[in-house]
Amino acid sequence: MADRILGAPDRLSGPGAVSVAPMGQTVEMGPLLIVITLLVVIPLAVIITGAVMAVLLGHSLRKEGEYRNEGSELTELNV
């Protein structure tokens, strides 16, 4: 029972297994990292990338609209 100390490697599991659960159960860190990546990191990356692309596209379209309509009397009506 002394080899089942919290954080000690388990002999029956893989080399990366760390005993963090009670009663001698082990939790593999690899699948846990994959789940965290799939549920947190990838969605955040997609949201941030979409926001950056929206800013760049909006800025580009605004500048193009100002350039194409330069000198028009309608641009003075914009608020």
Protein backbone atom coordinates (compact mmCIF):
# COMPACT_ATOMS: atom_id res chain seq x y z
CA MET A 1 0.00 0.00 0.00
CA ALA A 2 3.00 2.29 0.49
CA ASP A 3 3.63 2.37 -3.28
CA ARG A 4 0.14 3.85 -3.86
CA ILE A 5 1.13 7.31 -2.66
CA LEU A 6 -0.50 10.25 -4.40
CA GLY A 7 1.55 11.09 -7.48
CA ALA A 8 3.55 7.85 -7.53
CA PRO A 9 3.59 5.98 -10.85
CA ASP A 10 1.42 2.89 -11.02
CA ARG A 11 3.22 -0.30 -12.08
CA LEU A 12 0.18 -1.76 -13.86
CA SER A 13 -0.54 1.25 -16.07
CA GLY A 14 1.59 2.95 -18.69
CA PRO A 15 4.75 4.88 -17.90
CA GLY A 16 2.88 8.22 -17.88
CA ALA A 17 0.15 7.12 -15.47
CA VAL A 18 -0.04 9.09 -12.25
CA SER A 19 -2.08 7.94 -9.29
CA VAL A 20 -4.31 10.90 -8.47
CA ALA A 21 -7.54 9.09 -7.69
CA PRO A 22 -8.40 7.44 -4.37
CA MET A 23 -8.35 3.70 -3.72
CA GLY A 24 -5.48 2.99 -6.11
CA GLN A 25 -7.28 4.11 -9.27
CA THR A 26 -5.15 5.89 -11.85
CA VAL A 27 -5.96 8.71 -14.23
CA GLU A 28 -4.11 8.85 -17.54
CA MET A 29 -2.96 12.39 -18.36
CA GLY A 30 -2.88 11.94 -22.16
CA PRO A 31 -6.62 11.53 -22.71
CA LEU A 32 -7.30 14.31 -20.22
CA LEU A 33 -5.09 16.69 -22.19
CA ILE A 34 -6.80 15.69 -25.44
CA VAL A 35 -10.25 16.40 -23.95
CA ILE A 36 -9.13 19.79 -22.61
CA THR A 37 -7.68 20.64 -26.01
CA LEU A 38 -10.84 19.63 -27.84
CA LEU A 39 -13.23 21.41 -25.46
CA VAL A 40 -11.29 24.57 -24.61
CA VAL A 41 -8.30 25.38 -26.80
CA ILE A 42 -9.72 24.66 -30.27
CA PRO A 43 -13.03 26.56 -29.77
CA LEU A 44 -11.17 29.56 -28.34
CA ALA A 45 -8.76 29.55 -31.28
CA VAL A 46 -11.67 29.46 -33.76
CA ILE A 47 -13.48 32.32 -31.98
CA ILE A 48 -10.37 34.50 -31.77
CA THR A 49 -9.45 33.81 -35.41
CA GLY A 50 -12.99 34.70 -36.51
CA ALA A 51 -12.88 37.96 -34.55
CA VAL A 52 -9.52 38.95 -36.07
CA MET A 53 -10.75 38.13 -39.58
CA ALA A 54 -13.94 40.19 -38.99
CA VAL A 55 -11.90 43.20 -37.87
CA LEU A 56 -9.57 42.95 -40.87
CA LEU A 57 -12.44 42.50 -43.34
CA GLY A 58 -14.47 45.34 -41.82
CA HIS A 59 -11.53 47.73 -41.89
CA SER A 60 -10.67 46.79 -45.46
CA LEU A 61 -14.27 47.21 -46.68
CA ARG A 62 -14.67 50.57 -44.90
CA LYS A 63 -11.47 51.91 -46.47
CA GLU A 64 -12.51 50.66 -49.92
CA GLY A 65 -15.95 52.26 -49.56
CA GLU A 66 -14.41 55.58 -48.56
CA TYR A 67 -12.01 55.41 -51.50
CA ARG A 68 -14.67 54.52 -54.10
CA ASN A 69 -17.15 57.15 -52.92
CA GLU A 70 -14.69 59.98 -52.34
CA GLY A 71 -16.22 63.29 -53.43
CA SER A 72 -19.83 62.04 -53.36
CA GLU A 73 -22.39 64.21 -51.59
CA LEU A 74 -23.81 61.10 -49.88
CA THR A 75 -20.68 60.56 -47.78
CA GLU A 76 -21.44 63.78 -45.87
CA LEU A 77 -24.77 62.30 -44.75
CA ASN A 78 -23.06 59.38 -43.00
CA VAL A 79 -23.05 59.68 -39.25
